[in-house]
Each structure stands twice: as C-alpha cells, then as structure tokens.
Amino acid sequence: MQPKIASKMFDNLVTQAGGKEASASIIASAVGHSISIGSLSRIANGAAEVPLLWAWALMDATRNNCFDTYRASAVRDGGETCLYALSGEASEEGGQAVCAGIRAAQSGDAGDYATAVVEAREASAKFDEMAVRFEALAAGVTPIRKA
C-alpha cells in the first residue's frame, strides 16, 4: 500500500471518528495504553506509518473498512495478478489444452499426447488458482502477501 494512500485513509478515519481526541480515546481503549494526539497527526500527515491495530480500532468504530477494501482490491504481489488477468490466463491455458488435445487425438503420436498432458496440467493448475482466489473473495478472506 502506498504510504500516501494509507495516511489519507487514516486521516479520513480520524475525521469520521470525531477528530483526534475521539480517535485517541477509541484507539487507547483498543490497545490498552494512551495515544498521543501528535502521533495521530504525524500518521495522518504521512510522517509516520499507520499502525495496523490503530487502523482496525478506527475501522471498527466508524464501520468504514477502507483498509480491508483497499487491500482486497490491490493484491498483485507474489506472482498473483489481477482477477481479470487471471481469468484471461486461465482461458488461454484452457484453449491451449483443447488445441493440444485435438492435435493429439488426430495424430495419435506419443509426442502429441505428451504435449496434451502438459497443456492440460497447466490449464488445470491455472483454473485451480483462479478457483482458490474467487473462493477466498466469496468468503471475505483478504489474501496476505507471500513471503
């Protein structure tokens, strides 16, 4: 997540929660220690990173799940692509598998059968990846970056 986007979303949560004093109280009750108004200002201005626990506390209080929504829509790391691109890749792999299967059926050649197996497995893996991603989104799970 871009630091400027995070700080702006945090600033919006502070405003929605009723200002810095109210936000400090909300966060303090969630984390169990006092929160400096200056710290809130530094975070909102982009001079410090947004603590996740603080963002969660404000999201719970305001019912604005902006960080979760942004994260769910912006996951593209770890080799993962956007959902449109993933669907296109699955379609392409499926088409290649069908073509290889038809070629193998027509030729009866062992090499063509081997190619059809490879293409079918690649298509299957891509469709499995797509199914996992869509199942996670249907369940409301936000993927975490791969290490």
C-alpha atoms as a PDB file:
ATOM      1  CA  MET A   1       0.000   0.000   0.000  1.00  0.00           C
ATOM      2  CA  GLN A   2       1.279   3.428  -0.872  1.00  0.00           C
ATOM      3  CA  PRO A   3       2.160   5.441   2.267  1.00  0.00           C
ATOM      4  CA  LYS A   4       0.253   8.496   0.994  1.00  0.00           C
ATOM      5  CA  ILE A   5      -2.878   6.443   0.448  1.00  0.00           C
ATOM      6  CA  ALA A   6      -2.574   4.852   3.891  1.00  0.00           C
ATOM      7  CA  SER A   7      -2.087   8.200   5.628  1.00  0.00           C
ATOM      8  CA  LYS A   8      -5.060   9.737   3.789  1.00  0.00           C
ATOM      9  CA  MET A   9      -7.314   6.796   4.650  1.00  0.00           C
ATOM     10  CA  PHE A  10      -6.179   7.032   8.264  1.00  0.00           C
ATOM     11  CA  ASP A  11      -6.858  10.793   8.276  1.00  0.00           C
ATOM     12  CA  ASN A  12     -10.359  10.124   6.922  1.00  0.00           C
ATOM     13  CA  LEU A  13     -10.975   7.557   9.667  1.00  0.00           C
ATOM     14  CA  VAL A  14      -9.848  10.081  12.299  1.00  0.00           C
ATOM     15  CA  THR A  15     -12.293  12.619  10.897  1.00  0.00           C
ATOM     16  CA  GLN A  16     -15.129  10.085  10.745  1.00  0.00           C
ATOM     17  CA  ALA A  17     -14.429   9.013  14.321  1.00  0.00           C
ATOM     18  CA  GLY A  18     -14.963  12.575  15.543  1.00  0.00           C
ATOM     19  CA  GLY A  19     -11.495  14.090  15.425  1.00  0.00           C
ATOM     20  CA  LYS A  20      -8.126  13.465  17.023  1.00  0.00           C
ATOM     21  CA  GLU A  21      -9.260  13.451  20.656  1.00  0.00           C
ATOM     22  CA  ALA A  22     -12.079  10.987  19.990  1.00  0.00           C
ATOM     23  CA  SER A  23      -9.792   8.835  17.849  1.00  0.00           C
ATOM     24  CA  ALA A  24      -7.121   8.792  20.545  1.00  0.00           C
ATOM     25  CA  SER A  25      -9.728   7.545  23.034  1.00  0.00           C
ATOM     26  CA  ILE A  26     -11.004   4.879  20.645  1.00  0.00           C
ATOM     27  CA  ILE A  27      -7.506   3.622  19.901  1.00  0.00           C
ATOM     28  CA  ALA A  28      -6.440   3.754  23.552  1.00  0.00           C
ATOM     29  CA  SER A  29      -9.396   1.609  24.575  1.00  0.00           C
ATOM     30  CA  ALA A  30      -8.497  -0.909  21.868  1.00  0.00           C
ATOM     31  CA  VAL A  31      -4.749  -1.155  22.526  1.00  0.00           C
ATOM     32  CA  GLY A  32      -4.713  -0.595  26.281  1.00  0.00           C
ATOM     33  CA  HIS A  33      -2.425   2.438  26.524  1.00  0.00           C
ATOM     34  CA  SER A  34      -2.678   6.164  25.904  1.00  0.00           C
ATOM     35  CA  ILE A  35      -2.218   7.603  22.433  1.00  0.00           C
ATOM     36  CA  SER A  36      -0.573  10.929  21.667  1.00  0.00           C
ATOM     37  CA  ILE A  37      -2.505  13.448  19.566  1.00  0.00           C
ATOM     38  CA  GLY A  38       0.854  14.312  17.983  1.00  0.00           C
ATOM     39  CA  SER A  39       1.287  10.697  16.883  1.00  0.00           C
ATOM     40  CA  LEU A  40      -2.125  10.801  15.229  1.00  0.00           C
ATOM     41  CA  SER A  41      -1.125  13.997  13.418  1.00  0.00           C
ATOM     42  CA  ARG A  42       2.186  12.539  12.213  1.00  0.00           C
ATOM     43  CA  ILE A  43       0.420   9.454  10.865  1.00  0.00           C
ATOM     44  CA  ALA A  44      -2.362  11.456   9.221  1.00  0.00           C
ATOM     45  CA  ASN A  45       0.232  13.752   7.588  1.00  0.00           C
ATOM     46  CA  GLY A  46       2.270  10.822   6.265  1.00  0.00           C
ATOM     47  CA  ALA A  47       5.274  11.411   8.517  1.00  0.00           C
ATOM     48  CA  ALA A  48       4.795   8.041  10.265  1.00  0.00           C
ATOM     49  CA  GLU A  49       3.426   4.648   9.262  1.00  0.00           C
ATOM     50  CA  VAL A  50      -0.122   3.655  10.121  1.00  0.00           C
ATOM     51  CA  PRO A  51      -0.166   1.086  12.939  1.00  0.00           C
ATOM     52  CA  LEU A  52      -2.470  -1.738  11.906  1.00  0.00           C
ATOM     53  CA  LEU A  53      -4.082  -2.065  15.338  1.00  0.00           C
ATOM     54  CA  TRP A  54      -4.896   1.639  15.314  1.00  0.00           C
ATOM     55  CA  ALA A  55      -6.454   1.408  11.860  1.00  0.00           C
ATOM     56  CA  TRP A  56      -8.514  -1.616  12.938  1.00  0.00           C
ATOM     57  CA  ALA A  57      -9.775   0.209  16.001  1.00  0.00           C
ATOM     58  CA  LEU A  58     -10.915   3.187  13.944  1.00  0.00           C
ATOM     59  CA  MET A  59     -12.426   0.968  11.244  1.00  0.00           C
ATOM     60  CA  ASP A  60     -14.441  -0.876  13.908  1.00  0.00           C
ATOM     61  CA  ALA A  61     -15.611   2.394  15.421  1.00  0.00           C
ATOM     62  CA  THR A  62     -16.605   4.006  12.127  1.00  0.00           C
ATOM     63  CA  ARG A  63     -17.718   0.862  10.282  1.00  0.00           C
ATOM     64  CA  ASN A  64     -15.527   2.061   7.404  1.00  0.00           C
ATOM     65  CA  ASN A  65     -13.416  -0.891   6.264  1.00  0.00           C
ATOM     66  CA  CYS A  66     -11.320   1.186   3.879  1.00  0.00           C
ATOM     67  CA  PHE A  67      -8.004  -0.564   4.600  1.00  0.00           C
ATOM     68  CA  ASP A  68      -9.524  -4.030   4.165  1.00  0.00           C
ATOM     69  CA  THR A  69     -11.302  -2.990   0.976  1.00  0.00           C
ATOM     70  CA  TYR A  70      -8.163  -1.438  -0.470  1.00  0.00           C
ATOM     71  CA  ARG A  71      -6.084  -4.486   0.407  1.00  0.00           C
ATOM     72  CA  ALA A  72      -8.581  -6.902  -1.118  1.00  0.00           C
ATOM     73  CA  SER A  73      -8.678  -4.977  -4.384  1.00  0.00           C
ATOM     74  CA  ALA A  74      -4.969  -4.271  -4.654  1.00  0.00           C
ATOM     75  CA  VAL A  75      -3.329  -7.656  -4.125  1.00  0.00           C
ATOM     76  CA  ARG A  76      -1.000  -8.203  -7.038  1.00  0.00           C
ATOM     77  CA  ASP A  77       2.204  -9.351  -5.325  1.00  0.00           C
ATOM     78  CA  GLY A  78       3.788 -12.776  -5.047  1.00  0.00           C
ATOM     79  CA  GLY A  79       3.161 -13.578  -8.700  1.00  0.00           C
ATOM     80  CA  GLU A  80      -0.557 -13.049  -8.368  1.00  0.00           C
ATOM     81  CA  THR A  81      -2.264 -10.954 -10.990  1.00  0.00           C
ATOM     82  CA  CYS A  82      -5.495  -9.036 -11.010  1.00  0.00           C
ATOM     83  CA  LEU A  83      -8.643 -11.110 -11.337  1.00  0.00           C
ATOM     84  CA  TYR A  84      -9.252 -10.038 -14.929  1.00  0.00           C
ATOM     85  CA  ALA A  85      -5.749 -11.058 -15.987  1.00  0.00           C
ATOM     86  CA  LEU A  86      -6.017 -14.317 -14.043  1.00  0.00           C
ATOM     87  CA  SER A  87      -9.284 -15.160 -15.818  1.00  0.00           C
ATOM     88  CA  GLY A  88      -7.684 -14.373 -19.166  1.00  0.00           C
ATOM     89  CA  GLU A  89      -4.670 -16.548 -18.361  1.00  0.00           C
ATOM     90  CA  ALA A  90      -6.947 -19.436 -17.402  1.00  0.00           C
ATOM     91  CA  SER A  91      -8.879 -19.036 -20.639  1.00  0.00           C
ATOM     92  CA  GLU A  92      -5.664 -19.007 -22.665  1.00  0.00           C
ATOM     93  CA  GLU A  93      -4.315 -22.103 -20.910  1.00  0.00           C
ATOM     94  CA  GLY A  94      -7.642 -23.862 -21.434  1.00  0.00           C
ATOM     95  CA  GLY A  95      -7.594 -23.057 -25.139  1.00  0.00           C
ATOM     96  CA  GLN A  96      -4.047 -24.349 -25.479  1.00  0.00           C
ATOM     97  CA  ALA A  97      -5.030 -27.566 -23.700  1.00  0.00           C
ATOM     98  CA  VAL A  98      -8.011 -28.101 -26.014  1.00  0.00           C
ATOM     99  CA  CYS A  99      -5.886 -27.464 -29.123  1.00  0.00           C
ATOM    100  CA  ALA A 100      -3.186 -29.859 -27.906  1.00  0.00           C
ATOM    101  CA  GLY A 101      -5.825 -32.481 -27.118  1.00  0.00           C
ATOM    102  CA  ILE A 102      -7.377 -32.225 -30.587  1.00  0.00           C
ATOM    103  CA  ARG A 103      -3.929 -32.365 -32.216  1.00  0.00           C
ATOM    104  CA  ALA A 104      -3.059 -35.480 -30.201  1.00  0.00           C
ATOM    105  CA  ALA A 105      -6.375 -37.169 -30.994  1.00  0.00           C
ATOM    106  CA  GLN A 106      -5.909 -36.526 -34.716  1.00  0.00           C
ATOM    107  CA  SER A 107      -2.277 -37.590 -34.922  1.00  0.00           C
ATOM    108  CA  GLY A 108      -2.149 -40.452 -32.454  1.00  0.00           C
ATOM    109  CA  ASP A 109       1.505 -39.503 -31.899  1.00  0.00           C
ATOM    110  CA  ALA A 110       3.044 -40.192 -28.470  1.00  0.00           C
ATOM    111  CA  GLY A 111       4.790 -36.802 -28.503  1.00  0.00           C
ATOM    112  CA  ASP A 112       1.487 -35.019 -29.153  1.00  0.00           C
ATOM    113  CA  TYR A 113      -0.126 -36.980 -26.309  1.00  0.00           C
ATOM    114  CA  ALA A 114       2.720 -35.904 -24.001  1.00  0.00           C
ATOM    115  CA  THR A 115       2.246 -32.275 -25.073  1.00  0.00           C
ATOM    116  CA  ALA A 116      -1.505 -32.575 -24.445  1.00  0.00           C
ATOM    117  CA  VAL A 117      -0.810 -33.861 -20.927  1.00  0.00           C
ATOM    118  CA  VAL A 118       1.474 -30.905 -20.174  1.00  0.00           C
ATOM    119  CA  GLU A 119      -1.018 -28.392 -21.556  1.00  0.00           C
ATOM    120  CA  ALA A 120      -3.920 -29.983 -19.666  1.00  0.00           C
ATOM    121  CA  ARG A 121      -1.997 -29.894 -16.379  1.00  0.00           C
ATOM    122  CA  GLU A 122      -1.013 -26.248 -16.917  1.00  0.00           C
ATOM    123  CA  ALA A 123      -4.639 -25.351 -17.635  1.00  0.00           C
ATOM    124  CA  SER A 124      -5.809 -27.301 -14.602  1.00  0.00           C
ATOM    125  CA  ALA A 125      -3.313 -25.502 -12.357  1.00  0.00           C
ATOM    126  CA  LYS A 126      -4.396 -22.088 -13.665  1.00  0.00           C
ATOM    127  CA  PHE A 127      -8.088 -22.921 -13.187  1.00  0.00           C
ATOM    128  CA  ASP A 128      -7.317 -24.181  -9.656  1.00  0.00           C
ATOM    129  CA  GLU A 129      -5.510 -20.903  -8.889  1.00  0.00           C
ATOM    130  CA  MET A 130      -8.497 -18.956 -10.176  1.00  0.00           C
ATOM    131  CA  ALA A 131     -10.928 -21.060  -8.118  1.00  0.00           C
ATOM    132  CA  VAL A 132      -8.903 -20.534  -4.930  1.00  0.00           C
ATOM    133  CA  ARG A 133      -8.797 -16.767  -5.444  1.00  0.00           C
ATOM    134  CA  PHE A 134     -12.523 -16.480  -6.153  1.00  0.00           C
ATOM    135  CA  GLU A 135     -13.434 -18.791  -3.237  1.00  0.00           C
ATOM    136  CA  ALA A 136     -11.366 -16.616  -0.894  1.00  0.00           C
ATOM    137  CA  LEU A 137     -13.082 -13.470  -2.129  1.00  0.00           C
ATOM    138  CA  ALA A 138     -16.507 -15.107  -1.833  1.00  0.00           C
ATOM    139  CA  ALA A 139     -15.707 -15.998   1.785  1.00  0.00           C
ATOM    140  CA  GLY A 140     -14.478 -12.454   2.507  1.00  0.00           C
ATOM    141  CA  VAL A 141     -10.871 -13.520   3.057  1.00  0.00           C
ATOM    142  CA  THR A 142      -8.165 -10.980   2.269  1.00  0.00           C
ATOM    143  CA  PRO A 143      -5.060 -12.706   0.899  1.00  0.00           C
ATOM    144  CA  ILE A 144      -1.765 -11.986   2.663  1.00  0.00           C
ATOM    145  CA  ARG A 145       1.395 -11.377   0.683  1.00  0.00           C
ATOM    146  CA  LYS A 146       3.550 -14.411   0.114  1.00  0.00           C
ATOM    147  CA  ALA A 147       6.975 -14.365   1.755  1.00  0.00           C
END
